[in-house]
Amino acid sequence: MTVQPAGTEVAYTVTYLEMAARPSYPYPHLPATHPASLIKADAPPAWYFLALYDAVGRDYAWEDAHDRDEEDIQAWLDDPMVELYTLHARGWPQGFFMLDERERGTCNLAYFGLVPEAVGKGLGKFLLQTAIHTAWDREDVSRLTVNTCTLDHPRALQNYQKNGFSPVRREDHSRILKRPRDLTRIPT
């Protein structure tokens, strides 16, 4: 089956990962063949976050944000301990990451990803390593966390581990898809 229709129950495993110290690798350089800019959003509106969330996550069953009230999302985005960064190239967003430091001493890489058209161009490594260093640049951070699941990009877990995260626990879940999921759009 190449398309899982809305209403399909899917099983998945969530892996929670942590990093206890700044990595030894330096801040990354953008791939020379793909000039881009990373822009921090100041007080972004909820619609902007949801547009990025859908552009990056539609093929990976990112649906949870749509269960939240827009006012709740806006309050989260307005919190000074939450930051949203967008990678722009060729005049449009290529990907984004969000850092959430509302838990004292912990910075969570709450969201990270590229739009499908940007996958495979070397931007993912740049964006992930930049997100990691940006998180460690914050004051009083002693732990960086992230989670991924088996519905995400097939190399997500491997990439997090390759860049310094270690798994700390796993949980099995299932969900009913709210939107169709086209498996042919997921890169391998």
N, C-alpha and C. Protein backbone atom coordinates (compact mmCIF):
# COMPACT_ATOMS: atom_id res chain seq x y z
N MET A 1 0.85 -1.18 0.00
CA MET A 1 0.00 0.00 0.00
C MET A 1 0.89 1.24 0.00
N THR A 2 0.75 2.11 -0.99
CA THR A 2 1.59 3.30 -1.06
C THR A 2 0.94 4.51 -0.41
N VAL A 3 -0.37 4.48 -0.22
CA VAL A 3 -1.05 5.56 0.49
C VAL A 3 -1.85 4.96 1.64
N GLN A 4 -1.59 5.49 2.82
CA GLN A 4 -2.37 5.09 3.99
C GLN A 4 -3.49 6.13 4.12
N PRO A 5 -4.74 5.74 3.92
CA PRO A 5 -5.82 6.73 3.96
C PRO A 5 -6.09 7.23 5.38
N ALA A 6 -6.69 8.40 5.48
CA ALA A 6 -7.14 8.90 6.77
C ALA A 6 -8.02 7.83 7.40
N GLY A 7 -7.89 7.65 8.71
CA GLY A 7 -8.65 6.62 9.40
C GLY A 7 -7.86 5.34 9.61
N THR A 8 -6.70 5.21 8.98
CA THR A 8 -5.85 4.03 9.15
C THR A 8 -5.16 4.09 10.51
N GLU A 9 -5.15 2.98 11.22
CA GLU A 9 -4.41 2.93 12.47
C GLU A 9 -2.97 2.52 12.16
N VAL A 10 -2.01 3.29 12.67
CA VAL A 10 -0.60 3.00 12.45
C VAL A 10 0.10 2.85 13.81
N ALA A 11 0.95 1.86 13.90
CA ALA A 11 1.77 1.65 15.09
C ALA A 11 3.12 2.32 14.86
N TYR A 12 3.71 2.85 15.92
CA TYR A 12 5.01 3.49 15.80
C TYR A 12 5.71 3.47 17.16
N THR A 13 7.01 3.67 17.12
CA THR A 13 7.83 3.71 18.33
C THR A 13 8.49 5.07 18.43
N VAL A 14 8.37 5.70 19.60
CA VAL A 14 9.02 6.97 19.88
C VAL A 14 10.31 6.67 20.63
N THR A 15 11.41 7.28 20.16
CA THR A 15 12.70 7.18 20.84
C THR A 15 13.05 8.56 21.39
N TYR A 16 13.33 8.61 22.69
CA TYR A 16 13.74 9.84 23.36
C TYR A 16 15.25 9.82 23.48
N LEU A 17 15.87 10.94 23.12
CA LEU A 17 17.33 11.01 23.12
C LEU A 17 17.80 12.22 23.92
N GLU A 18 19.04 12.14 24.41
CA GLU A 18 19.64 13.22 25.17
C GLU A 18 21.08 13.42 24.76
N MET A 19 21.57 14.63 25.05
CA MET A 19 22.97 14.97 24.89
C MET A 19 23.35 15.74 26.15
N ALA A 20 24.42 15.31 26.85
CA ALA A 20 24.77 15.90 28.14
C ALA A 20 25.88 16.94 28.07
N ALA A 21 26.47 17.12 26.89
CA ALA A 21 27.54 18.11 26.75
C ALA A 21 27.58 18.60 25.31
N ARG A 22 28.09 19.81 25.15
CA ARG A 22 28.24 20.37 23.80
C ARG A 22 29.12 19.43 22.98
N PRO A 23 28.75 19.20 21.72
CA PRO A 23 29.56 18.31 20.89
C PRO A 23 30.92 18.93 20.57
N SER A 24 31.87 18.08 20.19
CA SER A 24 33.22 18.56 19.88
C SER A 24 33.33 19.13 18.48
N TYR A 25 32.37 18.83 17.61
CA TYR A 25 32.46 19.37 16.25
C TYR A 25 32.11 20.87 16.27
N PRO A 26 32.69 21.63 15.33
CA PRO A 26 32.45 23.08 15.30
C PRO A 26 31.09 23.40 14.68
N TYR A 27 30.73 24.68 14.77
CA TYR A 27 29.56 25.15 14.03
C TYR A 27 29.75 24.77 12.56
N PRO A 28 28.71 24.29 11.90
CA PRO A 28 28.87 23.85 10.51
C PRO A 28 28.86 25.03 9.53
N HIS A 29 29.35 24.76 8.33
CA HIS A 29 29.28 25.71 7.23
C HIS A 29 28.18 25.25 6.29
N LEU A 30 27.49 26.21 5.68
CA LEU A 30 26.50 25.86 4.66
C LEU A 30 27.18 25.18 3.49
N PRO A 31 26.52 24.22 2.87
CA PRO A 31 27.08 23.65 1.65
C PRO A 31 27.26 24.76 0.61
N ALA A 32 28.42 24.83 0.00
CA ALA A 32 28.73 25.91 -0.95
C ALA A 32 27.77 25.93 -2.13
N THR A 33 27.23 24.77 -2.48
CA THR A 33 26.33 24.69 -3.64
C THR A 33 24.90 25.09 -3.31
N HIS A 34 24.61 25.34 -2.03
CA HIS A 34 23.24 25.68 -1.62
C HIS A 34 23.23 26.88 -0.67
N PRO A 35 23.46 28.08 -1.19
CA PRO A 35 23.44 29.25 -0.31
C PRO A 35 22.06 29.41 0.32
N ALA A 36 22.06 29.74 1.59
CA ALA A 36 20.81 29.88 2.33
C ALA A 36 21.05 30.83 3.50
N SER A 37 19.98 31.20 4.16
CA SER A 37 20.08 32.01 5.36
C SER A 37 19.19 31.42 6.44
N LEU A 38 19.64 31.53 7.66
CA LEU A 38 18.89 31.05 8.81
C LEU A 38 18.34 32.27 9.54
N ILE A 39 17.04 32.31 9.70
CA ILE A 39 16.39 33.49 10.28
C ILE A 39 15.61 33.09 11.52
N LYS A 40 15.90 33.80 12.62
CA LYS A 40 15.13 33.58 13.86
C LYS A 40 13.86 34.41 13.76
N ALA A 41 12.74 33.79 14.04
CA ALA A 41 11.45 34.49 14.00
C ALA A 41 11.20 35.17 15.34
N ASP A 42 10.83 36.42 15.31
CA ASP A 42 10.45 37.15 16.51
C ASP A 42 8.94 37.17 16.59
N ALA A 43 8.40 36.58 17.65
CA ALA A 43 6.95 36.52 17.88
C ALA A 43 6.20 36.05 16.63
N PRO A 44 6.55 34.85 16.12
CA PRO A 44 5.88 34.37 14.91
C PRO A 44 4.41 34.06 15.20
N PRO A 45 3.54 34.30 14.24
CA PRO A 45 2.13 33.94 14.42
C PRO A 45 1.96 32.41 14.32
N ALA A 46 0.91 31.94 14.94
CA ALA A 46 0.64 30.49 14.94
C ALA A 46 0.54 29.94 13.53
N TRP A 47 -0.05 30.70 12.60
CA TRP A 47 -0.20 30.19 11.23
C TRP A 47 1.15 29.92 10.58
N TYR A 48 2.18 30.71 10.92
CA TYR A 48 3.50 30.52 10.34
C TYR A 48 4.10 29.20 10.83
N PHE A 49 4.03 28.97 12.15
CA PHE A 49 4.50 27.70 12.68
C PHE A 49 3.75 26.53 12.05
N LEU A 50 2.42 26.63 11.97
CA LEU A 50 1.63 25.52 11.41
C LEU A 50 1.95 25.28 9.93
N ALA A 51 2.26 26.34 9.19
CA ALA A 51 2.63 26.18 7.78
C ALA A 51 3.95 25.41 7.67
N LEU A 52 4.94 25.76 8.49
CA LEU A 52 6.21 25.03 8.49
C LEU A 52 6.02 23.59 8.97
N TYR A 53 5.25 23.43 10.02
CA TYR A 53 4.95 22.12 10.60
C TYR A 53 4.34 21.20 9.54
N ASP A 54 3.39 21.71 8.77
CA ASP A 54 2.75 20.91 7.72
C ASP A 54 3.68 20.66 6.55
N ALA A 55 4.45 21.67 6.15
CA ALA A 55 5.35 21.51 5.01
C ALA A 55 6.41 20.45 5.29
N VAL A 56 6.93 20.43 6.51
CA VAL A 56 7.96 19.45 6.88
C VAL A 56 7.34 18.11 7.25
N GLY A 57 6.25 18.13 8.00
CA GLY A 57 5.77 16.92 8.63
C GLY A 57 4.61 16.19 7.98
N ARG A 58 4.07 16.72 6.89
CA ARG A 58 2.87 16.09 6.32
C ARG A 58 3.08 14.63 5.90
N ASP A 59 4.28 14.31 5.44
CA ASP A 59 4.55 12.93 5.01
C ASP A 59 4.90 12.01 6.18
N TYR A 60 5.12 12.60 7.35
CA TYR A 60 5.53 11.82 8.52
C TYR A 60 4.45 11.77 9.59
N ALA A 61 3.23 12.09 9.22
CA ALA A 61 2.07 12.03 10.13
C ALA A 61 2.21 12.99 11.30
N TRP A 62 2.82 14.15 11.06
CA TRP A 62 2.83 15.19 12.09
C TRP A 62 1.42 15.78 12.12
N GLU A 63 0.67 15.45 13.11
CA GLU A 63 -0.72 15.90 13.18
C GLU A 63 -1.09 16.49 14.54
N ASP A 64 -0.26 16.25 15.55
CA ASP A 64 -0.61 16.62 16.92
C ASP A 64 -0.85 18.11 17.11
N ALA A 65 -0.10 18.96 16.43
CA ALA A 65 -0.27 20.41 16.62
C ALA A 65 -1.68 20.85 16.24
N HIS A 66 -2.30 20.13 15.34
CA HIS A 66 -3.66 20.50 14.91
C HIS A 66 -4.71 20.14 15.96
N ASP A 67 -4.31 19.40 17.00
CA ASP A 67 -5.21 19.10 18.11
C ASP A 67 -5.20 20.22 19.15
N ARG A 68 -4.26 21.14 19.04
CA ARG A 68 -4.14 22.22 20.01
C ARG A 68 -4.91 23.46 19.53
N ASP A 69 -5.42 24.22 20.48
CA ASP A 69 -6.07 25.50 20.13
C ASP A 69 -5.02 26.46 19.60
N GLU A 70 -5.40 27.29 18.65
CA GLU A 70 -4.46 28.26 18.09
C GLU A 70 -3.94 29.20 19.19
N GLU A 71 -4.78 29.53 20.16
CA GLU A 71 -4.35 30.42 21.26
C GLU A 71 -3.27 29.74 22.09
N ASP A 72 -3.38 28.43 22.30
CA ASP A 72 -2.38 27.69 23.05
C ASP A 72 -1.05 27.67 22.28
N ILE A 73 -1.11 27.43 20.99
CA ILE A 73 0.09 27.45 20.15
C ILE A 73 0.72 28.84 20.20
N GLN A 74 -0.10 29.88 20.10
CA GLN A 74 0.43 31.24 20.10
C GLN A 74 1.11 31.56 21.43
N ALA A 75 0.50 31.14 22.53
CA ALA A 75 1.11 31.38 23.84
C ALA A 75 2.47 30.69 23.93
N TRP A 76 2.56 29.46 23.40
CA TRP A 76 3.82 28.73 23.38
C TRP A 76 4.86 29.47 22.54
N LEU A 77 4.47 29.94 21.36
CA LEU A 77 5.38 30.67 20.48
C LEU A 77 5.83 31.99 21.09
N ASP A 78 4.97 32.62 21.88
CA ASP A 78 5.28 33.91 22.50
C ASP A 78 6.16 33.78 23.73
N ASP A 79 6.32 32.56 24.25
CA ASP A 79 7.14 32.36 25.44
C ASP A 79 8.60 32.70 25.09
N PRO A 80 9.26 33.53 25.90
CA PRO A 80 10.64 33.90 25.58
C PRO A 80 11.62 32.73 25.64
N MET A 81 11.21 31.61 26.19
CA MET A 81 12.08 30.44 26.27
C MET A 81 11.91 29.50 25.07
N VAL A 82 11.09 29.92 24.10
CA VAL A 82 10.85 29.13 22.89
C VAL A 82 11.32 29.95 21.69
N GLU A 83 12.12 29.33 20.82
CA GLU A 83 12.63 30.03 19.64
C GLU A 83 12.39 29.19 18.38
N LEU A 84 12.03 29.86 17.30
CA LEU A 84 11.80 29.23 16.01
C LEU A 84 12.78 29.82 15.00
N TYR A 85 13.50 28.96 14.29
CA TYR A 85 14.46 29.36 13.27
C TYR A 85 14.05 28.71 11.95
N THR A 86 14.08 29.51 10.88
CA THR A 86 13.72 29.00 9.55
C THR A 86 14.91 29.13 8.61
N LEU A 87 15.19 28.05 7.89
CA LEU A 87 16.23 28.05 6.87
C LEU A 87 15.58 28.43 5.54
N HIS A 88 16.04 29.55 4.96
CA HIS A 88 15.49 30.03 3.69
C HIS A 88 16.54 29.91 2.59
N ALA A 89 16.12 29.49 1.42
CA ALA A 89 16.96 29.47 0.23
C ALA A 89 16.05 29.60 -0.97
N ARG A 90 16.53 30.24 -2.00
CA ARG A 90 15.76 30.42 -3.23
C ARG A 90 14.42 31.13 -2.98
N GLY A 91 14.33 31.89 -1.89
CA GLY A 91 13.15 32.70 -1.62
C GLY A 91 12.06 32.01 -0.83
N TRP A 92 12.28 30.76 -0.38
CA TRP A 92 11.24 30.06 0.37
C TRP A 92 11.86 29.16 1.43
N PRO A 93 11.06 28.80 2.46
CA PRO A 93 11.58 27.99 3.55
C PRO A 93 12.01 26.60 3.10
N GLN A 94 13.20 26.21 3.55
CA GLN A 94 13.74 24.88 3.26
C GLN A 94 13.57 23.94 4.45
N GLY A 95 13.43 24.51 5.64
CA GLY A 95 13.28 23.73 6.84
C GLY A 95 13.24 24.64 8.05
N PHE A 96 13.12 24.03 9.22
CA PHE A 96 13.08 24.83 10.45
C PHE A 96 13.47 23.98 11.64
N PHE A 97 13.78 24.68 12.74
CA PHE A 97 13.91 24.02 14.03
C PHE A 97 13.38 24.92 15.11
N MET A 98 12.97 24.28 16.20
CA MET A 98 12.46 25.01 17.36
C MET A 98 13.17 24.52 18.60
N LEU A 99 13.55 25.47 19.45
CA LEU A 99 14.17 25.17 20.73
C LEU A 99 13.22 25.59 21.84
N ASP A 100 13.05 24.73 22.83
CA ASP A 100 12.14 24.98 23.94
C ASP A 100 12.92 24.76 25.24
N GLU A 101 13.18 25.86 25.95
CA GLU A 101 13.96 25.79 27.17
C GLU A 101 13.09 26.11 28.40
N ARG A 102 11.82 25.78 28.34
CA ARG A 102 10.94 26.10 29.46
C ARG A 102 11.24 25.24 30.68
N GLU A 103 11.87 24.08 30.51
CA GLU A 103 12.29 23.26 31.65
C GLU A 103 13.71 23.68 32.04
N ARG A 104 13.87 24.16 33.24
CA ARG A 104 15.16 24.70 33.69
C ARG A 104 16.30 23.70 33.46
N GLY A 105 17.37 24.18 32.82
CA GLY A 105 18.56 23.37 32.58
C GLY A 105 18.48 22.48 31.36
N THR A 106 17.28 22.32 30.80
CA THR A 106 17.09 21.45 29.64
C THR A 106 16.61 22.27 28.45
N CYS A 107 17.22 22.04 27.32
CA CYS A 107 16.74 22.63 26.08
C CYS A 107 16.26 21.46 25.22
N ASN A 108 15.02 21.54 24.78
CA ASN A 108 14.44 20.50 23.93
C ASN A 108 14.44 20.98 22.48
N LEU A 109 14.98 20.17 21.61
CA LEU A 109 14.85 20.41 20.18
C LEU A 109 13.45 19.92 19.83
N ALA A 110 12.48 20.83 19.98
CA ALA A 110 11.06 20.47 19.91
C ALA A 110 10.63 20.04 18.51
N TYR A 111 11.16 20.72 17.51
CA TYR A 111 10.86 20.37 16.11
C TYR A 111 12.11 20.60 15.29
N PHE A 112 12.28 19.74 14.29
CA PHE A 112 13.40 19.86 13.36
C PHE A 112 13.02 19.15 12.08
N GLY A 113 13.30 19.76 10.95
CA GLY A 113 13.08 19.05 9.70
C GLY A 113 13.23 19.93 8.49
N LEU A 114 13.30 19.27 7.35
CA LEU A 114 13.39 19.92 6.04
C LEU A 114 12.12 19.64 5.25
N VAL A 115 11.77 20.56 4.36
CA VAL A 115 10.68 20.31 3.43
C VAL A 115 11.16 19.24 2.45
N PRO A 116 10.27 18.48 1.85
CA PRO A 116 10.70 17.38 0.97
C PRO A 116 11.64 17.82 -0.16
N GLU A 117 11.43 19.00 -0.70
CA GLU A 117 12.25 19.48 -1.82
C GLU A 117 13.69 19.79 -1.41
N ALA A 118 13.96 19.92 -0.11
CA ALA A 118 15.31 20.25 0.37
C ALA A 118 16.08 19.03 0.86
N VAL A 119 15.43 17.89 0.96
CA VAL A 119 16.09 16.67 1.45
C VAL A 119 17.12 16.22 0.43
N GLY A 120 18.29 15.80 0.93
CA GLY A 120 19.33 15.25 0.06
C GLY A 120 20.27 16.28 -0.53
N LYS A 121 20.23 17.51 -0.04
CA LYS A 121 21.09 18.57 -0.58
C LYS A 121 22.18 19.00 0.41
N GLY A 122 22.32 18.28 1.52
CA GLY A 122 23.33 18.63 2.51
C GLY A 122 22.88 19.67 3.52
N LEU A 123 21.66 20.14 3.39
CA LEU A 123 21.16 21.17 4.30
C LEU A 123 20.77 20.60 5.66
N GLY A 124 20.40 19.34 5.72
CA GLY A 124 19.97 18.72 6.97
C GLY A 124 21.08 18.69 8.00
N LYS A 125 22.27 18.29 7.61
CA LYS A 125 23.41 18.26 8.54
C LYS A 125 23.70 19.67 9.03
N PHE A 126 23.72 20.63 8.13
CA PHE A 126 23.95 22.02 8.52
C PHE A 126 22.90 22.48 9.53
N LEU A 127 21.63 22.22 9.22
CA LEU A 127 20.56 22.70 10.08
C LEU A 127 20.57 22.01 11.44
N LEU A 128 20.78 20.70 11.47
CA LEU A 128 20.80 19.97 12.74
C LEU A 128 21.98 20.41 13.60
N GLN A 129 23.17 20.48 13.03
CA GLN A 129 24.33 20.88 13.84
C GLN A 129 24.21 22.33 14.30
N THR A 130 23.61 23.19 13.49
CA THR A 130 23.38 24.57 13.90
C THR A 130 22.37 24.60 15.05
N ALA A 131 21.32 23.81 14.97
CA ALA A 131 20.33 23.75 16.05
C ALA A 131 20.99 23.29 17.34
N ILE A 132 21.84 22.28 17.25
CA ILE A 132 22.52 21.76 18.44
C ILE A 132 23.40 22.83 19.07
N HIS A 133 24.22 23.48 18.27
CA HIS A 133 25.09 24.53 18.81
C HIS A 133 24.29 25.72 19.34
N THR A 134 23.23 26.08 18.66
CA THR A 134 22.38 27.19 19.12
C THR A 134 21.78 26.85 20.48
N ALA A 135 21.36 25.62 20.66
CA ALA A 135 20.82 25.20 21.96
C ALA A 135 21.88 25.30 23.05
N TRP A 136 23.08 24.82 22.76
CA TRP A 136 24.15 24.86 23.77
C TRP A 136 24.64 26.27 24.03
N ASP A 137 24.39 27.21 23.14
CA ASP A 137 24.77 28.60 23.36
C ASP A 137 23.89 29.29 24.40
N ARG A 138 22.75 28.71 24.69
CA ARG A 138 21.84 29.30 25.68
C ARG A 138 22.43 29.14 27.08
N GLU A 139 22.15 30.11 27.95
CA GLU A 139 22.66 30.06 29.32
C GLU A 139 22.02 28.92 30.10
N ASP A 140 22.79 28.34 30.98
CA ASP A 140 22.30 27.35 31.95
C ASP A 140 21.78 26.05 31.34
N VAL A 141 22.11 25.75 30.10
CA VAL A 141 21.69 24.48 29.52
C VAL A 141 22.70 23.40 29.91
N SER A 142 22.21 22.34 30.53
CA SER A 142 23.09 21.23 30.91
C SER A 142 22.67 19.93 30.22
N ARG A 143 21.57 20.00 29.45
CA ARG A 143 21.07 18.80 28.78
C ARG A 143 20.26 19.25 27.57
N LEU A 144 20.49 18.58 26.45
CA LEU A 144 19.73 18.82 25.22
C LEU A 144 18.95 17.55 24.92
N THR A 145 17.65 17.69 24.65
CA THR A 145 16.80 16.53 24.38
C THR A 145 16.14 16.66 23.01
N VAL A 146 15.73 15.53 22.49
CA VAL A 146 14.98 15.46 21.24
C VAL A 146 14.26 14.12 21.23
N ASN A 147 13.20 14.01 20.46
CA ASN A 147 12.61 12.69 20.24
C ASN A 147 12.27 12.54 18.77
N THR A 148 12.23 11.31 18.35
CA THR A 148 11.85 10.99 16.98
C THR A 148 11.04 9.70 17.04
N CYS A 149 10.38 9.40 15.95
CA CYS A 149 9.59 8.16 15.93
C CYS A 149 9.75 7.46 14.60
N THR A 150 9.26 6.26 14.55
CA THR A 150 9.41 5.44 13.34
C THR A 150 8.53 5.93 12.19
N LEU A 151 7.69 6.94 12.41
CA LEU A 151 6.95 7.57 11.31
C LEU A 151 7.76 8.67 10.65
N ASP A 152 8.83 9.14 11.33
CA ASP A 152 9.69 10.20 10.80
C ASP A 152 10.57 9.66 9.67
N HIS A 153 11.40 10.55 9.12
CA HIS A 153 12.34 10.16 8.07
C HIS A 153 13.09 8.91 8.53
N PRO A 154 13.30 7.94 7.64
CA PRO A 154 13.95 6.68 8.04
C PRO A 154 15.35 6.84 8.63
N ARG A 155 16.03 7.95 8.33
CA ARG A 155 17.38 8.16 8.87
C ARG A 155 17.40 9.12 10.05
N ALA A 156 16.24 9.55 10.56
CA ALA A 156 16.20 10.55 11.63
C ALA A 156 16.95 10.07 12.88
N LEU A 157 16.62 8.89 13.37
CA LEU A 157 17.25 8.38 14.58
C LEU A 157 18.77 8.27 14.39
N GLN A 158 19.19 7.71 13.29
CA GLN A 158 20.61 7.56 12.99
C GLN A 158 21.30 8.92 12.95
N ASN A 159 20.67 9.92 12.34
CA ASN A 159 21.27 11.26 12.26
C ASN A 159 21.42 11.90 13.63
N TYR A 160 20.41 11.75 14.48
CA TYR A 160 20.52 12.30 15.84
C TYR A 160 21.68 11.64 16.58
N GLN A 161 21.79 10.33 16.46
CA GLN A 161 22.87 9.62 17.15
C GLN A 161 24.23 10.01 16.58
N LYS A 162 24.32 10.12 15.28
CA LYS A 162 25.58 10.49 14.64
C LYS A 162 26.04 11.88 15.07
N ASN A 163 25.11 12.73 15.46
CA ASN A 163 25.44 14.09 15.87
C ASN A 163 25.52 14.28 17.38
N GLY A 164 25.55 13.17 18.15
CA GLY A 164 25.85 13.26 19.56
C GLY A 164 24.75 12.92 20.53
N PHE A 165 23.55 12.64 20.07
CA PHE A 165 22.46 12.26 20.97
C PHE A 165 22.54 10.76 21.28
N SER A 166 22.10 10.40 22.49
CA SER A 166 22.03 8.99 22.89
C SER A 166 20.61 8.66 23.30
N PRO A 167 20.09 7.52 22.87
CA PRO A 167 18.74 7.12 23.28
C PRO A 167 18.68 6.87 24.79
N VAL A 168 17.59 7.30 25.42
CA VAL A 168 17.41 7.06 26.85
C VAL A 168 16.16 6.24 27.15
N ARG A 169 15.18 6.24 26.23
CA ARG A 169 14.02 5.36 26.40
C ARG A 169 13.22 5.30 25.10
N ARG A 170 12.39 4.26 25.02
CA ARG A 170 11.51 4.07 23.86
C ARG A 170 10.12 3.76 24.35
N GLU A 171 9.13 4.18 23.58
CA GLU A 171 7.73 3.89 23.90
C GLU A 171 7.01 3.50 22.62
N ASP A 172 6.17 2.47 22.70
CA ASP A 172 5.35 2.06 21.57
C ASP A 172 3.98 2.73 21.67
N HIS A 173 3.49 3.21 20.52
CA HIS A 173 2.21 3.90 20.45
C HIS A 173 1.48 3.47 19.18
N SER A 174 0.24 3.91 19.07
CA SER A 174 -0.50 3.81 17.80
C SER A 174 -1.38 5.04 17.70
N ARG A 175 -1.77 5.35 16.49
CA ARG A 175 -2.65 6.49 16.25
C ARG A 175 -3.49 6.22 15.02
N ILE A 176 -4.57 6.94 14.93
CA ILE A 176 -5.42 6.91 13.75
C ILE A 176 -5.05 8.13 12.90
N LEU A 177 -4.66 7.90 11.67
CA LEU A 177 -4.28 9.01 10.79
C LEU A 177 -5.48 9.91 10.53
N LYS A 178 -5.25 11.21 10.61
CA LYS A 178 -6.30 12.19 10.33
C LYS A 178 -6.27 12.63 8.87
N ARG A 179 -5.11 12.45 8.24
CA ARG A 179 -4.93 12.82 6.83
C ARG A 179 -4.28 11.64 6.11
N PRO A 180 -4.48 11.52 4.82
CA PRO A 180 -3.78 10.45 4.08
C PRO A 180 -2.27 10.63 4.20
N ARG A 181 -1.55 9.52 4.17
CA ARG A 181 -0.09 9.54 4.24
C ARG A 181 0.44 8.80 3.03
N ASP A 182 1.09 9.54 2.14
CA ASP A 182 1.63 8.99 0.90
C ASP A 182 3.04 8.49 1.15
N LEU A 183 3.19 7.19 1.26
CA LEU A 183 4.50 6.61 1.60
C LEU A 183 5.51 6.75 0.46
N THR A 184 5.06 7.00 -0.76
CA THR A 184 5.98 7.16 -1.87
C THR A 184 6.73 8.49 -1.77
N ARG A 185 6.24 9.44 -0.97
CA ARG A 185 6.89 10.73 -0.82
C ARG A 185 7.99 10.72 0.24
N ILE A 186 8.11 9.60 0.99
CA ILE A 186 9.10 9.52 2.06
C ILE A 186 10.39 8.99 1.47
N PRO A 187 11.47 9.78 1.54
CA PRO A 187 12.75 9.32 0.98
C PRO A 187 13.29 8.14 1.78
N THR A 188 14.09 7.34 1.14
CA THR A 188 14.71 6.21 1.84
C THR A 188 16.19 6.43 2.03
